[in-house]
């Protein structure tokens, strides 16, 4: 138990270090978190979906699972669940317009399933983007590295013309 307490104390200090020393990270996160606290969505079912998608993006980008496996040999999945559940609960409790409902509580079961999903170690297949001129090599490099995120973001941008919730989801993917 003491080891888990030390781990969460380390995570807490780590988050403050990241926010203090990197204003490019801290300012967008503060703005998005502030907006998520006051945003009012048309239906309450969108809040858990939005916050679960944020936890999912966080989980997909995790690079510390091998470290957790070595440090917490028998209960590393429990640590992953606690971290994800804490982030999800923080977002749910911070929003002033959200009322607790069954769907929001059922999302905790989906968070449990995240403990058994491993982030991909191999990169997704990407497009070469050969139709872009070599003069724009920065754009070409960025699109080659982030092909799937670009495609998903483009689809969400198209969908955001029709619904507010998809516009907010687009902002989450853009921050990633």
Protein backbone atom coordinates (compact mmCIF):
# COMPACT_ATOMS: atom_id res chain seq x y z
CA UNK A 1 0.00 0.00 0.00
CA UNK A 2 2.86 2.36 0.81
CA UNK A 3 4.37 1.69 -2.62
CA UNK A 4 1.08 2.70 -4.30
CA UNK A 5 0.95 5.84 -2.15
CA UNK A 6 4.51 6.75 -3.20
CA UNK A 7 3.63 6.13 -6.84
CA UNK A 8 0.67 8.52 -6.75
CA UNK A 9 2.71 11.09 -4.88
CA UNK A 10 5.31 10.79 -7.66
CA UNK A 11 2.59 11.19 -10.35
CA UNK A 12 1.24 14.28 -8.59
CA UNK A 13 4.70 15.86 -8.44
CA UNK A 14 5.39 14.82 -12.04
CA UNK A 15 2.26 16.58 -13.28
CA UNK A 16 3.26 19.80 -11.52
CA UNK A 17 6.76 19.58 -13.01
CA UNK A 18 5.30 19.19 -16.50
CA UNK A 19 2.92 22.11 -16.04
CA UNK A 20 5.49 24.43 -14.45
CA UNK A 21 8.34 23.90 -16.90
CA UNK A 22 6.40 23.63 -20.13
CA UNK A 23 3.97 26.49 -20.80
CA UNK A 24 3.18 25.04 -24.25
CA UNK A 25 1.53 22.14 -22.43
CA UNK A 26 0.10 23.88 -19.39
CA UNK A 27 -1.75 26.74 -21.08
CA UNK A 28 -3.80 24.60 -23.51
CA UNK A 29 -4.60 22.09 -20.76
CA UNK A 30 -5.75 24.82 -18.40
CA UNK A 31 -7.89 26.39 -21.13
CA UNK A 32 -9.45 23.08 -22.17
CA UNK A 33 -10.04 22.00 -18.57
CA UNK A 34 -11.63 25.38 -17.84
CA UNK A 35 -13.86 25.07 -20.89
CA UNK A 36 -14.82 21.51 -19.97
CA UNK A 37 -15.87 22.70 -16.52
CA UNK A 38 -18.47 25.10 -17.89
CA UNK A 39 -19.53 23.59 -21.23
CA UNK A 40 -23.17 22.57 -21.42
CA UNK A 41 -23.92 19.77 -23.84
CA UNK A 42 -27.44 19.11 -25.18
CA UNK A 43 -27.74 15.70 -23.48
CA UNK A 44 -26.09 14.43 -20.32
CA UNK A 45 -25.00 11.21 -22.05
CA UNK A 46 -22.37 13.20 -23.98
CA UNK A 47 -20.38 14.08 -20.85
CA UNK A 48 -19.27 10.51 -20.04
CA UNK A 49 -18.52 9.86 -23.73
CA UNK A 50 -16.42 12.99 -23.96
CA UNK A 51 -14.49 12.32 -20.78
CA UNK A 52 -14.02 8.63 -21.56
CA UNK A 53 -12.59 9.56 -24.95
CA UNK A 54 -10.08 11.79 -23.17
CA UNK A 55 -9.08 8.92 -20.87
CA UNK A 56 -8.81 6.65 -23.90
CA UNK A 57 -6.48 9.10 -25.66
CA UNK A 58 -4.40 9.28 -22.48
CA UNK A 59 -4.23 5.48 -22.30
CA UNK A 60 -3.32 5.02 -25.96
CA UNK A 61 -0.39 7.40 -25.57
CA UNK A 62 0.98 5.74 -22.42
CA UNK A 63 4.64 4.84 -22.55
CA UNK A 64 5.05 3.77 -18.92
CA UNK A 65 3.37 0.35 -18.91
CA UNK A 66 6.69 -1.60 -18.99
CA UNK A 67 7.83 0.50 -16.02
CA UNK A 68 4.61 -0.26 -14.14
CA UNK A 69 4.98 -3.98 -14.90
CA UNK A 70 8.47 -3.98 -13.37
CA UNK A 71 7.59 -1.82 -10.38
CA UNK A 72 4.18 -3.28 -9.51
CA UNK A 73 4.63 -6.89 -10.56
CA UNK A 74 1.30 -8.27 -9.39
CA UNK A 75 -1.00 -5.24 -9.40
CA UNK A 76 0.11 -3.02 -12.28
CA UNK A 77 -3.33 -3.28 -13.90
CA UNK A 78 -4.86 -1.93 -10.71
CA UNK A 79 -2.55 1.12 -10.92
CA UNK A 80 -3.60 1.72 -14.53
CA UNK A 81 -7.24 1.51 -13.48
CA UNK A 82 -6.76 3.90 -10.57
CA UNK A 83 -4.97 6.49 -12.71
CA UNK A 84 -7.58 6.34 -15.48
CA UNK A 85 -10.49 6.33 -13.03
CA UNK A 86 -9.04 9.33 -11.20
CA UNK A 87 -8.76 11.34 -14.43
CA UNK A 88 -12.30 10.35 -15.49
CA UNK A 89 -13.74 11.18 -12.07
CA UNK A 90 -11.93 14.51 -11.98
CA UNK A 91 -13.51 15.56 -15.26
CA UNK A 92 -16.99 14.35 -14.26
CA UNK A 93 -16.91 16.09 -10.90
CA UNK A 94 -15.45 19.32 -12.28
CA UNK A 95 -18.27 19.95 -14.76
CA UNK A 96 -20.95 22.12 -13.22
CA UNK A 97 -23.69 20.93 -15.59
CA UNK A 98 -23.29 17.16 -15.18
CA UNK A 99 -25.70 15.16 -13.05
CA UNK A 100 -24.69 11.63 -12.03
CA UNK A 101 -26.41 8.97 -14.13
CA UNK A 102 -26.15 5.25 -14.92
CA UNK A 103 -24.21 5.70 -18.15
CA UNK A 104 -21.55 7.78 -16.41
CA UNK A 105 -21.10 5.07 -13.80
CA UNK A 106 -21.07 2.31 -16.44
CA UNK A 107 -18.11 4.02 -18.09
CA UNK A 108 -16.05 2.82 -15.12
CA UNK A 109 -16.52 -0.72 -16.49
CA UNK A 110 -15.07 0.47 -19.78
CA UNK A 111 -12.16 2.00 -17.85
CA UNK A 112 -11.56 -1.43 -16.29
CA UNK A 113 -11.27 -2.84 -19.80
CA UNK A 114 -8.49 -0.32 -20.50
CA UNK A 115 -6.34 -2.22 -18.02
CA UNK A 116 -6.29 -5.17 -20.40
CA UNK A 117 -5.61 -3.17 -23.57
CA UNK A 118 -1.97 -2.67 -24.38
CA UNK A 119 -0.99 0.39 -26.42
CA UNK A 120 0.41 -0.59 -29.80
CA UNK A 121 4.15 -1.04 -29.89
CA UNK A 122 4.30 -1.11 -33.70
CA UNK A 123 3.25 2.05 -35.51
CA UNK A 124 0.15 2.06 -37.68
CA UNK A 125 0.74 1.81 -41.44
CA UNK A 126 0.92 5.30 -42.90
CA UNK A 127 0.54 6.94 -46.26
CA UNK A 128 3.58 8.38 -48.04
CA UNK A 129 1.83 11.59 -49.11
CA UNK A 130 3.87 11.65 -52.32
CA UNK A 131 1.53 14.14 -54.00
CA UNK A 132 2.76 16.87 -51.62
CA UNK A 133 5.73 18.79 -52.96
CA UNK A 134 9.14 18.22 -51.34
CA UNK A 135 9.33 21.97 -50.68
CA UNK A 136 6.75 21.40 -47.94
CA UNK A 137 8.80 18.69 -46.20
CA UNK A 138 7.64 19.73 -42.70
CA UNK A 139 4.00 19.22 -43.67
CA UNK A 140 4.86 15.96 -45.39
CA UNK A 141 6.76 14.70 -42.35
CA UNK A 142 3.97 15.68 -39.96
CA UNK A 143 1.31 13.99 -42.10
CA UNK A 144 3.44 10.87 -42.48
CA UNK A 145 3.85 10.58 -38.70
CA UNK A 146 0.21 11.39 -37.89
CA UNK A 147 -1.74 9.97 -40.82
CA UNK A 148 -4.47 8.25 -38.83
CA UNK A 149 -4.91 11.11 -36.40
CA UNK A 150 -5.20 13.48 -39.37
CA UNK A 151 -7.89 11.30 -40.97
CA UNK A 152 -9.87 10.96 -37.71
CA UNK A 153 -9.57 14.70 -37.04
CA UNK A 154 -10.73 15.51 -40.57
CA UNK A 155 -13.80 13.27 -40.18
CA UNK A 156 -14.61 14.86 -36.82
CA UNK A 157 -14.20 18.34 -38.33
CA UNK A 158 -16.66 17.42 -41.07
CA UNK A 159 -19.07 16.03 -38.47
CA UNK A 160 -18.69 19.08 -36.22
CA UNK A 161 -20.58 21.14 -38.74
CA UNK A 162 -23.64 19.13 -37.69
CA UNK A 163 -23.27 18.64 -33.95
CA UNK A 164 -21.71 20.50 -30.99
CA UNK A 165 -20.35 17.43 -29.21
CA UNK A 166 -18.25 16.42 -32.19
CA UNK A 167 -16.68 19.90 -32.25
CA UNK A 168 -15.54 19.41 -28.65
CA UNK A 169 -14.18 15.95 -29.50
CA UNK A 170 -12.26 17.51 -32.38
CA UNK A 171 -10.59 19.90 -29.92
CA UNK A 172 -9.48 16.95 -27.78
CA UNK A 173 -7.88 15.19 -30.73
CA UNK A 174 -6.19 18.39 -31.86
CA UNK A 175 -4.62 18.82 -28.42
CA UNK A 176 -3.20 15.34 -28.71
